[in-house]
Amino acid sequence: KDTLDHLHLKQVHLAGASMGALAAVVFVKKFPEYAATLTV
């Protein structure tokens, strides 16, 4: 979230693998407004 705010991005596609996918799921559950799509 901090990084997307720093980059002035309000909504993004997210794609994660393994640990990155776990981080993506937690992020989207906590901050759903940032996710246009989620790929895990």
PDB file of all heavy atoms in Angstrom:
ATOM      1  N   LYS A   1       0.827  -1.209   0.000  1.00  0.00           N
ATOM      2  CA  LYS A   1       0.000   0.000   0.000  1.00  0.00           C
ATOM      3  C   LYS A   1       0.861   1.258   0.000  1.00  0.00           C
ATOM      4  O   LYS A   1       0.621   2.197  -0.779  1.00  0.00           O
ATOM      5  CB  LYS A   1      -0.933   0.013   1.211  1.00  0.00           C
ATOM      6  CG  LYS A   1      -1.811   1.258   1.291  1.00  0.00           C
ATOM      7  CD  LYS A   1      -2.631   1.284   2.557  1.00  0.00           C
ATOM      8  CE  LYS A   1      -3.553   2.500   2.601  1.00  0.00           C
ATOM      9  NZ  LYS A   1      -2.803   3.779   2.562  1.00  0.00           N
ATOM     10  N   ASP A   2       1.861   1.299   0.881  1.00  0.00           N
ATOM     11  CA  ASP A   2       2.743   2.465   0.944  1.00  0.00           C
ATOM     12  C   ASP A   2       3.420   2.717  -0.397  1.00  0.00           C
ATOM     13  O   ASP A   2       3.568   3.877  -0.830  1.00  0.00           O
ATOM     14  CB  ASP A   2       3.811   2.264   2.016  1.00  0.00           C
ATOM     15  CG  ASP A   2       3.246   2.295   3.428  1.00  0.00           C
ATOM     16  OD1 ASP A   2       2.103   2.756   3.607  1.00  0.00           O
ATOM     17  OD2 ASP A   2       3.959   1.844   4.350  1.00  0.00           O
ATOM     18  N   THR A   3       3.826   1.643  -1.060  1.00  0.00           N
ATOM     19  CA  THR A   3       4.529   1.771  -2.332  1.00  0.00           C
ATOM     20  C   THR A   3       3.602   2.259  -3.430  1.00  0.00           C
ATOM     21  O   THR A   3       3.972   3.141  -4.232  1.00  0.00           O
ATOM     22  CB  THR A   3       5.165   0.424  -2.721  1.00  0.00           C
ATOM     23  OG1 THR A   3       6.007  -0.022  -1.651  1.00  0.00           O
ATOM     24  CG2 THR A   3       5.989   0.563  -3.993  1.00  0.00           C
ATOM     25  N   LEU A   4       2.389   1.729  -3.495  1.00  0.00           N
ATOM     26  CA  LEU A   4       1.435   2.192  -4.506  1.00  0.00           C
ATOM     27  C   LEU A   4       1.064   3.649  -4.269  1.00  0.00           C
ATOM     28  O   LEU A   4       0.934   4.433  -5.226  1.00  0.00           O
ATOM     29  CB  LEU A   4       0.190   1.313  -4.494  1.00  0.00           C
ATOM     30  CG  LEU A   4       0.390  -0.158  -4.871  1.00  0.00           C
ATOM     31  CD1 LEU A   4      -0.952  -0.876  -4.915  1.00  0.00           C
ATOM     32  CD2 LEU A   4       1.119  -0.304  -6.200  1.00  0.00           C
ATOM     33  N   ASP A   5       0.907   4.031  -3.017  1.00  0.00           N
ATOM     34  CA  ASP A   5       0.626   5.439  -2.714  1.00  0.00           C
ATOM     35  C   ASP A   5       1.794   6.321  -3.153  1.00  0.00           C
ATOM     36  O   ASP A   5       1.594   7.404  -3.713  1.00  0.00           O
ATOM     37  CB  ASP A   5       0.375   5.619  -1.214  1.00  0.00           C
ATOM     38  CG  ASP A   5      -0.951   5.024  -0.759  1.00  0.00           C
ATOM     39  OD1 ASP A   5      -1.812   4.748  -1.630  1.00  0.00           O
ATOM     40  OD2 ASP A   5      -1.119   4.834   0.459  1.00  0.00           O
ATOM     41  N   HIS A   6       2.996   5.843  -2.903  1.00  0.00           N
ATOM     42  CA  HIS A   6       4.188   6.597  -3.300  1.00  0.00           C
ATOM     43  C   HIS A   6       4.248   6.770  -4.814  1.00  0.00           C
ATOM     44  O   HIS A   6       4.698   7.822  -5.313  1.00  0.00           O
ATOM     45  CB  HIS A   6       5.442   5.868  -2.799  1.00  0.00           C
ATOM     46  CG  HIS A   6       6.730   6.482  -3.227  1.00  0.00           C
ATOM     47  ND1 HIS A   6       7.202   7.664  -2.717  1.00  0.00           N
ATOM     48  CD2 HIS A   6       7.648   6.069  -4.154  1.00  0.00           C
ATOM     49  CE1 HIS A   6       8.362   7.968  -3.292  1.00  0.00           C
ATOM     50  NE2 HIS A   6       8.653   7.011  -4.157  1.00  0.00           N
ATOM     51  N   LEU A   7       3.789   5.772  -5.546  1.00  0.00           N
ATOM     52  CA  LEU A   7       3.795   5.822  -7.010  1.00  0.00           C
ATOM     53  C   LEU A   7       2.526   6.461  -7.578  1.00  0.00           C
ATOM     54  O   LEU A   7       2.361   6.511  -8.803  1.00  0.00           O
ATOM     55  CB  LEU A   7       3.953   4.407  -7.573  1.00  0.00           C
ATOM     56  CG  LEU A   7       5.262   3.688  -7.250  1.00  0.00           C
ATOM     57  CD1 LEU A   7       5.223   2.251  -7.749  1.00  0.00           C
ATOM     58  CD2 LEU A   7       6.444   4.428  -7.856  1.00  0.00           C
ATOM     59  N   HIS A   8       1.653   6.937  -6.713  1.00  0.00           N
ATOM     60  CA  HIS A   8       0.405   7.602  -7.125  1.00  0.00           C
ATOM     61  C   HIS A   8      -0.481   6.670  -7.936  1.00  0.00           C
ATOM     62  O   HIS A   8      -1.105   7.083  -8.915  1.00  0.00           O
ATOM     63  CB  HIS A   8       0.707   8.875  -7.930  1.00  0.00           C
ATOM     64  CG  HIS A   8       1.645   9.820  -7.240  1.00  0.00           C
ATOM     65  ND1 HIS A   8       1.297  10.536  -6.125  1.00  0.00           N
ATOM     66  CD2 HIS A   8       2.943  10.147  -7.508  1.00  0.00           C
ATOM     67  CE1 HIS A   8       2.325  11.274  -5.723  1.00  0.00           C
ATOM     68  NE2 HIS A   8       3.328  11.050  -6.543  1.00  0.00           N
ATOM     69  N   LEU A   9      -0.564   5.420  -7.513  1.00  0.00           N
ATOM     70  CA  LEU A   9      -1.400   4.435  -8.195  1.00  0.00           C
ATOM     71  C   LEU A   9      -2.580   4.075  -7.306  1.00  0.00           C
ATOM     72  O   LEU A   9      -2.405   3.577  -6.201  1.00  0.00           O
ATOM     73  CB  LEU A   9      -0.584   3.179  -8.533  1.00  0.00           C
ATOM     74  CG  LEU A   9       0.504   3.371  -9.594  1.00  0.00           C
ATOM     75  CD1 LEU A   9       1.386   2.143  -9.678  1.00  0.00           C
ATOM     76  CD2 LEU A   9      -0.121   3.676 -10.946  1.00  0.00           C
ATOM     77  N   LYS A  10      -3.770   4.320  -7.813  1.00  0.00           N
ATOM     78  CA  LYS A  10      -4.976   4.070  -7.027  1.00  0.00           C
ATOM     79  C   LYS A  10      -5.547   2.680  -7.256  1.00  0.00           C
ATOM     80  O   LYS A  10      -6.264   2.155  -6.410  1.00  0.00           O
ATOM     81  CB  LYS A  10      -6.036   5.128  -7.361  1.00  0.00           C
ATOM     82  CG  LYS A  10      -5.633   6.539  -6.957  1.00  0.00           C
ATOM     83  CD  LYS A  10      -6.738   7.528  -7.276  1.00  0.00           C
ATOM     84  CE  LYS A  10      -6.357   8.938  -6.845  1.00  0.00           C
ATOM     85  NZ  LYS A  10      -7.438   9.921  -7.144  1.00  0.00           N
ATOM     86  N   GLN A  11      -5.229   2.089  -8.412  1.00  0.00           N
ATOM     87  CA  GLN A  11      -5.738   0.751  -8.708  1.00  0.00           C
ATOM     88  C   GLN A  11      -4.783   0.064  -9.668  1.00  0.00           C
ATOM     89  O   GLN A  11      -4.303   0.671 -10.621  1.00  0.00           O
ATOM     90  CB  GLN A  11      -7.135   0.812  -9.322  1.00  0.00           C
ATOM     91  CG  GLN A  11      -7.885  -0.513  -9.280  1.00  0.00           C
ATOM     92  CD  GLN A  11      -9.319  -0.384  -9.702  1.00  0.00           C
ATOM     93  OE1 GLN A  11      -9.604   0.159 -10.764  1.00  0.00           O
ATOM     94  NE2 GLN A  11     -10.236  -0.894  -8.890  1.00  0.00           N
ATOM     95  N   VAL A  12      -4.511  -1.221  -9.400  1.00  0.00           N
ATOM     96  CA  VAL A  12      -3.537  -1.969 -10.191  1.00  0.00           C
ATOM     97  C   VAL A  12      -4.019  -3.404 -10.374  1.00  0.00           C
ATOM     98  O   VAL A  12      -4.856  -3.906  -9.622  1.00  0.00           O
ATOM     99  CB  VAL A  12      -2.143  -1.988  -9.517  1.00  0.00           C
ATOM    100  CG1 VAL A  12      -1.595  -0.588  -9.340  1.00  0.00           C
ATOM    101  CG2 VAL A  12      -2.196  -2.720  -8.171  1.00  0.00           C
ATOM    102  N   HIS A  13      -3.464  -4.065 -11.385  1.00  0.00           N
ATOM    103  CA  HIS A  13      -3.537  -5.518 -11.482  1.00  0.00           C
ATOM    104  C   HIS A  13      -2.427  -6.079 -10.593  1.00  0.00           C
ATOM    105  O   HIS A  13      -1.298  -5.580 -10.618  1.00  0.00           O
ATOM    106  CB  HIS A  13      -3.316  -5.986 -12.922  1.00  0.00           C
ATOM    107  CG  HIS A  13      -4.318  -5.464 -13.900  1.00  0.00           C
ATOM    108  ND1 HIS A  13      -5.623  -5.876 -13.924  1.00  0.00           N
ATOM    109  CD2 HIS A  13      -4.183  -4.554 -14.904  1.00  0.00           C
ATOM    110  CE1 HIS A  13      -6.270  -5.256 -14.899  1.00  0.00           C
ATOM    111  NE2 HIS A  13      -5.425  -4.453 -15.507  1.00  0.00           N
ATOM    112  N   LEU A  14      -2.721  -7.126  -9.834  1.00  0.00           N
ATOM    113  CA  LEU A  14      -1.731  -7.765  -8.968  1.00  0.00           C
ATOM    114  C   LEU A  14      -1.512  -9.194  -9.410  1.00  0.00           C
ATOM    115  O   LEU A  14      -2.477  -9.924  -9.680  1.00  0.00           O
ATOM    116  CB  LEU A  14      -2.201  -7.762  -7.518  1.00  0.00           C
ATOM    117  CG  LEU A  14      -2.048  -6.471  -6.728  1.00  0.00           C
ATOM    118  CD1 LEU A  14      -2.935  -6.508  -5.507  1.00  0.00           C
ATOM    119  CD2 LEU A  14      -0.597  -6.259  -6.326  1.00  0.00           C
ATOM    120  N   ALA A  15      -0.248  -9.611  -9.487  1.00  0.00           N
ATOM    121  CA  ALA A  15       0.078 -10.998  -9.821  1.00  0.00           C
ATOM    122  C   ALA A  15       1.188 -11.466  -8.897  1.00  0.00           C
ATOM    123  O   ALA A  15       2.247 -10.841  -8.818  1.00  0.00           O
ATOM    124  CB  ALA A  15       0.518 -11.120 -11.279  1.00  0.00           C
ATOM    125  N   GLY A  16       0.955 -12.559  -8.189  1.00  0.00           N
ATOM    126  CA  GLY A  16       1.946 -13.071  -7.258  1.00  0.00           C
ATOM    127  C   GLY A  16       2.085 -14.571  -7.351  1.00  0.00           C
ATOM    128  O   GLY A  16       1.145 -15.279  -7.723  1.00  0.00           O
ATOM    129  N   ALA A  17       3.267 -15.057  -7.001  1.00  0.00           N
ATOM    130  CA  ALA A  17       3.541 -16.492  -6.993  1.00  0.00           C
ATOM    131  C   ALA A  17       4.089 -16.897  -5.632  1.00  0.00           C
ATOM    132  O   ALA A  17       4.918 -16.196  -5.057  1.00  0.00           O
ATOM    133  CB  ALA A  17       4.545 -16.857  -8.079  1.00  0.00           C
ATOM    134  N   SER A  18       3.600 -18.018  -5.107  1.00  0.00           N
ATOM    135  CA  SER A  18       4.092 -18.572  -3.852  1.00  0.00           C
ATOM    136  C   SER A  18       3.995 -17.527  -2.742  1.00  0.00           C
ATOM    137  O   SER A  18       2.916 -17.009  -2.471  1.00  0.00           O
ATOM    138  CB  SER A  18       5.524 -19.082  -4.046  1.00  0.00           C
ATOM    139  OG  SER A  18       5.967 -19.815  -2.942  1.00  0.00           O
ATOM    140  N   MET A  19       5.101 -17.142  -2.111  1.00  0.00           N
ATOM    141  CA  MET A  19       5.047 -16.143  -1.058  1.00  0.00           C
ATOM    142  C   MET A  19       4.447 -14.834  -1.557  1.00  0.00           C
ATOM    143  O   MET A  19       3.697 -14.160  -0.835  1.00  0.00           O
ATOM    144  CB  MET A  19       6.453 -15.892  -0.485  1.00  0.00           C
ATOM    145  CG  MET A  19       6.478 -14.815   0.598  1.00  0.00           C
ATOM    146  SD  MET A  19       8.117 -14.550   1.305  1.00  0.00           S
ATOM    147  CE  MET A  19       8.206 -15.924   2.450  1.00  0.00           C
ATOM    148  N   GLY A  20       4.765 -14.466  -2.807  1.00  0.00           N
ATOM    149  CA  GLY A  20       4.195 -13.254  -3.383  1.00  0.00           C
ATOM    150  C   GLY A  20       2.698 -13.346  -3.550  1.00  0.00           C
ATOM    151  O   GLY A  20       1.978 -12.349  -3.402  1.00  0.00           O
ATOM    152  N   ALA A  21       2.190 -14.546  -3.851  1.00  0.00           N
ATOM    153  CA  ALA A  21       0.745 -14.735  -3.959  1.00  0.00           C
ATOM    154  C   ALA A  21       0.084 -14.618  -2.590  1.00  0.00           C
ATOM    155  O   ALA A  21      -1.009 -14.051  -2.454  1.00  0.00           O
ATOM    156  CB  ALA A  21       0.437 -16.088  -4.583  1.00  0.00           C
ATOM    157  N   LEU A  22       0.730 -15.151  -1.567  1.00  0.00           N
ATOM    158  CA  LEU A  22       0.194 -15.022  -0.215  1.00  0.00           C
ATOM    159  C   LEU A  22       0.127 -13.553   0.199  1.00  0.00           C
ATOM    160  O   LEU A  22      -0.874 -13.098   0.763  1.00  0.00           O
ATOM    161  CB  LEU A  22       1.053 -15.809   0.767  1.00  0.00           C
ATOM    162  CG  LEU A  22       1.126 -17.324   0.534  1.00  0.00           C
ATOM    163  CD1 LEU A  22       2.116 -17.963   1.502  1.00  0.00           C
ATOM    164  CD2 LEU A  22      -0.244 -17.970   0.674  1.00  0.00           C
ATOM    165  N   ALA A  23       1.194 -12.811  -0.092  1.00  0.00           N
ATOM    166  CA  ALA A  23       1.201 -11.380   0.218  1.00  0.00           C
ATOM    167  C   ALA A  23       0.104 -10.657  -0.555  1.00  0.00           C
ATOM    168  O   ALA A  23      -0.552  -9.744  -0.021  1.00  0.00           O
ATOM    169  CB  ALA A  23       2.561 -10.778  -0.105  1.00  0.00           C
ATOM    170  N   ALA A  24      -0.121 -11.074  -1.802  1.00  0.00           N
ATOM    171  CA  ALA A  24      -1.151 -10.438  -2.622  1.00  0.00           C
ATOM    172  C   ALA A  24      -2.544 -10.684  -2.049  1.00  0.00           C
ATOM    173  O   ALA A  24      -3.386  -9.774  -2.012  1.00  0.00           O
ATOM    174  CB  ALA A  24      -1.062 -10.951  -4.058  1.00  0.00           C
ATOM    175  N   VAL A  25      -2.818 -11.917  -1.610  1.00  0.00           N
ATOM    176  CA  VAL A  25      -4.126 -12.230  -1.039  1.00  0.00           C
ATOM    177  C   VAL A  25      -4.365 -11.400   0.218  1.00  0.00           C
ATOM    178  O   VAL A  25      -5.448 -10.814   0.403  1.00  0.00           O
ATOM    179  CB  VAL A  25      -4.240 -13.732  -0.731  1.00  0.00           C
ATOM    180  CG1 VAL A  25      -5.486 -14.016   0.103  1.00  0.00           C
ATOM    181  CG2 VAL A  25      -4.275 -14.537  -2.018  1.00  0.00           C
ATOM    182  N   VAL A  26      -3.373 -11.334   1.098  1.00  0.00           N
ATOM    183  CA  VAL A  26      -3.529 -10.553   2.322  1.00  0.00           C
ATOM    184  C   VAL A  26      -3.740  -9.079   1.982  1.00  0.00           C
ATOM    185  O   VAL A  26      -4.609  -8.407   2.558  1.00  0.00           O
ATOM    186  CB  VAL A  26      -2.309 -10.733   3.240  1.00  0.00           C
ATOM    187  CG1 VAL A  26      -2.427  -9.837   4.482  1.00  0.00           C
ATOM    188  CG2 VAL A  26      -2.180 -12.194   3.662  1.00  0.00           C
ATOM    189  N   PHE A  27      -2.974  -8.565   1.030  1.00  0.00           N
ATOM    190  CA  PHE A  27      -3.113  -7.163   0.628  1.00  0.00           C
ATOM    191  C   PHE A  27      -4.513  -6.871   0.102  1.00  0.00           C
ATOM    192  O   PHE A  27      -5.151  -5.886   0.508  1.00  0.00           O
ATOM    193  CB  PHE A  27      -2.073  -6.830  -0.448  1.00  0.00           C
ATOM    194  CG  PHE A  27      -2.281  -5.469  -1.066  1.00  0.00           C
ATOM    195  CD1 PHE A  27      -1.919  -4.320  -0.385  1.00  0.00           C
ATOM    196  CD2 PHE A  27      -2.850  -5.353  -2.324  1.00  0.00           C
ATOM    197  CE1 PHE A  27      -2.125  -3.060  -0.952  1.00  0.00           C
ATOM    198  CE2 PHE A  27      -3.059  -4.105  -2.894  1.00  0.00           C
ATOM    199  CZ  PHE A  27      -2.690  -2.956  -2.206  1.00  0.00           C
ATOM    200  N   VAL A  28      -5.015  -7.718  -0.783  1.00  0.00           N
ATOM    201  CA  VAL A  28      -6.322  -7.464  -1.391  1.00  0.00           C
ATOM    202  C   VAL A  28      -7.435  -7.580  -0.351  1.00  0.00           C
ATOM    203  O   VAL A  28      -8.445  -6.866  -0.425  1.00  0.00           O
ATOM    204  CB  VAL A  28      -6.551  -8.424  -2.573  1.00  0.00           C
ATOM    205  CG1 VAL A  28      -7.971  -8.313  -3.104  1.00  0.00           C
ATOM    206  CG2 VAL A  28      -5.565  -8.122  -3.688  1.00  0.00           C
ATOM    207  N   LYS A  29      -7.262  -8.456   0.620  1.00  0.00           N
ATOM    208  CA  LYS A  29      -8.277  -8.556   1.675  1.00  0.00           C
ATOM    209  C   LYS A  29      -8.265  -7.322   2.594  1.00  0.00           C
ATOM    210  O   LYS A  29      -9.313  -6.896   3.081  1.00  0.00           O
ATOM    211  CB  LYS A  29      -8.070  -9.822   2.492  1.00  0.00           C
ATOM    212  CG  LYS A  29      -8.526 -11.081   1.765  1.00  0.00           C
ATOM    213  CD  LYS A  29      -8.728 -12.223   2.727  1.00  0.00           C
ATOM    214  CE  LYS A  29      -9.561 -13.330   2.113  1.00  0.00           C
ATOM    215  NZ  LYS A  29      -9.966 -14.356   3.082  1.00  0.00           N
ATOM    216  N   LYS A  30      -7.088  -6.767   2.824  1.00  0.00           N
ATOM    217  CA  LYS A  30      -6.986  -5.608   3.704  1.00  0.00           C
ATOM    218  C   LYS A  30      -7.278  -4.300   2.969  1.00  0.00           C
ATOM    219  O   LYS A  30      -7.819  -3.359   3.559  1.00  0.00           O
ATOM    220  CB  LYS A  30      -5.587  -5.553   4.333  1.00  0.00           C
ATOM    221  CG  LYS A  30      -5.314  -6.664   5.338  1.00  0.00           C
ATOM    222  CD  LYS A  30      -3.897  -6.616   5.867  1.00  0.00           C
ATOM    223  CE  LYS A  30      -3.680  -5.449   6.800  1.00  0.00           C
ATOM    224  NZ  LYS A  30      -4.433  -5.583   8.075  1.00  0.00           N
ATOM    225  N   PHE A  31      -6.922  -4.247   1.684  1.00  0.00           N
ATOM    226  CA  PHE A  31      -7.072  -3.010   0.913  1.00  0.00           C
ATOM    227  C   PHE A  31      -7.705  -3.316  -0.445  1.00  0.00           C
ATOM    228  O   PHE A  31      -7.084  -3.143  -1.497  1.00  0.00           O
ATOM    229  CB  PHE A  31      -5.712  -2.334   0.726  1.00  0.00           C
ATOM    230  CG  PHE A  31      -4.949  -2.112   2.001  1.00  0.00           C
ATOM    231  CD1 PHE A  31      -3.847  -2.897   2.318  1.00  0.00           C
ATOM    232  CD2 PHE A  31      -5.340  -1.124   2.901  1.00  0.00           C
ATOM    233  CE1 PHE A  31      -3.141  -2.700   3.493  1.00  0.00           C
ATOM    234  CE2 PHE A  31      -4.638  -0.916   4.089  1.00  0.00           C
ATOM    235  CZ  PHE A  31      -3.544  -1.703   4.382  1.00  0.00           C
ATOM    236  N   PRO A  32      -8.932  -3.790  -0.461  1.00  0.00           N
ATOM    237  CA  PRO A  32      -9.543  -4.260  -1.714  1.00  0.00           C
ATOM    238  C   PRO A  32      -9.706  -3.191  -2.772  1.00  0.00           C
ATOM    239  O   PRO A  32      -9.763  -3.515  -3.968  1.00  0.00           O
ATOM    240  CB  PRO A  32     -10.907  -4.794  -1.253  1.00  0.00           C
ATOM    241  CG  PRO A  32     -11.183  -4.094   0.038  1.00  0.00           C
ATOM    242  CD  PRO A  32      -9.843  -3.925   0.692  1.00  0.00           C
ATOM    243  N   GLU A  33      -9.761  -1.944  -2.382  1.00  0.00           N
ATOM    244  CA  GLU A  33      -9.990  -0.864  -3.350  1.00  0.00           C
ATOM    245  C   GLU A  33      -8.828  -0.675  -4.318  1.00  0.00           C
ATOM    246  O   GLU A  33      -8.991  -0.079  -5.389  1.00  0.00           O
ATOM    247  CB  GLU A  33     -10.264   0.448  -2.614  1.00  0.00           C
ATOM    248  CG  GLU A  33      -9.096   1.024  -1.838  1.00  0.00           C
ATOM    249  CD  GLU A  33      -8.940   0.462  -0.426  1.00  0.00           C
ATOM    250  OE1 GLU A  33      -9.594  -0.560  -0.110  1.00  0.00           O
ATOM    251  OE2 GLU A  33      -8.157   1.048   0.357  1.00  0.00           O
ATOM    252  N   TYR A  34      -7.652  -1.218  -3.997  1.00  0.00           N
ATOM    253  CA  TYR A  34      -6.482  -1.055  -4.856  1.00  0.00           C
ATOM    254  C   TYR A  34      -6.437  -2.078  -5.994  1.00  0.00           C
ATOM    255  O   TYR A  34      -5.687  -1.901  -6.949  1.00  0.00           O
ATOM    256  CB  TYR A  34      -5.193  -1.175  -4.049  1.00  0.00           C
ATOM    257  CG  TYR A  34      -4.851   0.030  -3.216  1.00  0.00           C
ATOM    258  CD1 TYR A  34      -5.413   0.219  -1.964  1.00  0.00           C
ATOM    259  CD2 TYR A  34      -3.947   0.988  -3.680  1.00  0.00           C
ATOM    260  CE1 TYR A  34      -5.100   1.317  -1.183  1.00  0.00           C
ATOM    261  CE2 TYR A  34      -3.620   2.096  -2.909  1.00  0.00           C
ATOM    262  CZ  TYR A  34      -4.199   2.257  -1.663  1.00  0.00           C
ATOM    263  OH  TYR A  34      -3.881   3.353  -0.903  1.00  0.00           O
ATOM    264  N   ALA A  35      -7.191  -3.151  -5.883  1.00  0.00           N
ATOM    265  CA  ALA A  35      -7.049  -4.277  -6.813  1.00  0.00           C
ATOM    266  C   ALA A  35      -8.064  -4.206  -7.941  1.00  0.00           C
ATOM    267  O   ALA A  35      -9.277  -4.281  -7.703  1.00  0.00           O
ATOM    268  CB  ALA A  35      -7.187  -5.595  -6.071  1.00  0.00           C
ATOM    269  N   ALA A  36      -7.566  -4.090  -9.171  1.00  0.00           N
ATOM    270  CA  ALA A  36      -8.423  -4.232 -10.343  1.00  0.00           C
ATOM    271  C   ALA A  36      -8.640  -5.710 -10.634  1.00  0.00           C
ATOM    272  O   ALA A  36      -9.757  -6.147 -10.938  1.00  0.00           O
ATOM    273  CB  ALA A  36      -7.804  -3.535 -11.550  1.00  0.00           C
ATOM    274  N   THR A  37      -7.570  -6.497 -10.532  1.00  0.00           N
ATOM    275  CA  THR A  37      -7.636  -7.950 -10.645  1.00  0.00           C
ATOM    276  C   THR A  37      -6.583  -8.545  -9.728  1.00  0.00           C
ATOM    277  O   THR A  37      -5.648  -7.866  -9.287  1.00  0.00           O
ATOM    278  CB  THR A  37      -7.373  -8.457 -12.083  1.00  0.00           C
ATOM    279  OG1 THR A  37      -6.002  -8.174 -12.437  1.00  0.00           O
ATOM    280  CG2 THR A  37      -8.318  -7.826 -13.089  1.00  0.00           C
ATOM    281  N   LEU A  38      -6.727  -9.836  -9.476  1.00  0.00           N
ATOM    282  CA  LEU A  38      -5.771 -10.578  -8.653  1.00  0.00           C
ATOM    283  C   LEU A  38      -5.442 -11.892  -9.348  1.00  0.00           C
ATOM    284  O   LEU A  38      -6.341 -12.679  -9.644  1.00  0.00           O
ATOM    285  CB  LEU A  38      -6.358 -10.856  -7.273  1.00  0.00           C
ATOM    286  CG  LEU A  38      -5.562 -11.795  -6.347  1.00  0.00           C
ATOM    287  CD1 LEU A  38      -4.216 -11.189  -5.993  1.00  0.00           C
ATOM    288  CD2 LEU A  38      -6.364 -12.123  -5.097  1.00  0.00           C
ATOM    289  N   THR A  39      -4.152 -12.126  -9.612  1.00  0.00           N
ATOM    290  CA  THR A  39      -3.682 -13.390 -10.178  1.00  0.00           C
ATOM    291  C   THR A  39      -2.750 -14.056  -9.173  1.00  0.00           C
ATOM    292  O   THR A  39      -1.792 -13.436  -8.708  1.00  0.00           O
ATOM    293  CB  THR A  39      -2.931 -13.162 -11.503  1.00  0.00           C
ATOM    294  OG1 THR A  39      -3.806 -12.550 -12.452  1.00  0.00           O
ATOM    295  CG2 THR A  39      -2.421 -14.491 -12.069  1.00  0.00           C
ATOM    296  N   VAL A  40      -3.050 -15.297  -8.823  1.00  0.00           N
ATOM    297  CA  VAL A  40      -2.222 -16.011  -7.847  1.00  0.00           C
ATOM    298  C   VAL A  40      -1.876 -17.400  -8.375  1.00  0.00           C
ATOM    299  O   VAL A  40      -2.648 -18.024  -9.101  1.00  0.00           O
ATOM    300  CB  VAL A  40      -2.924 -16.140  -6.479  1.00  0.00           C
ATOM    301  CG1 VAL A  40      -3.085 -14.785  -5.833  1.00  0.00           C
ATOM    302  CG2 VAL A  40      -4.275 -16.835  -6.609  1.00  0.00           C
TER     303      VAL A  40
END
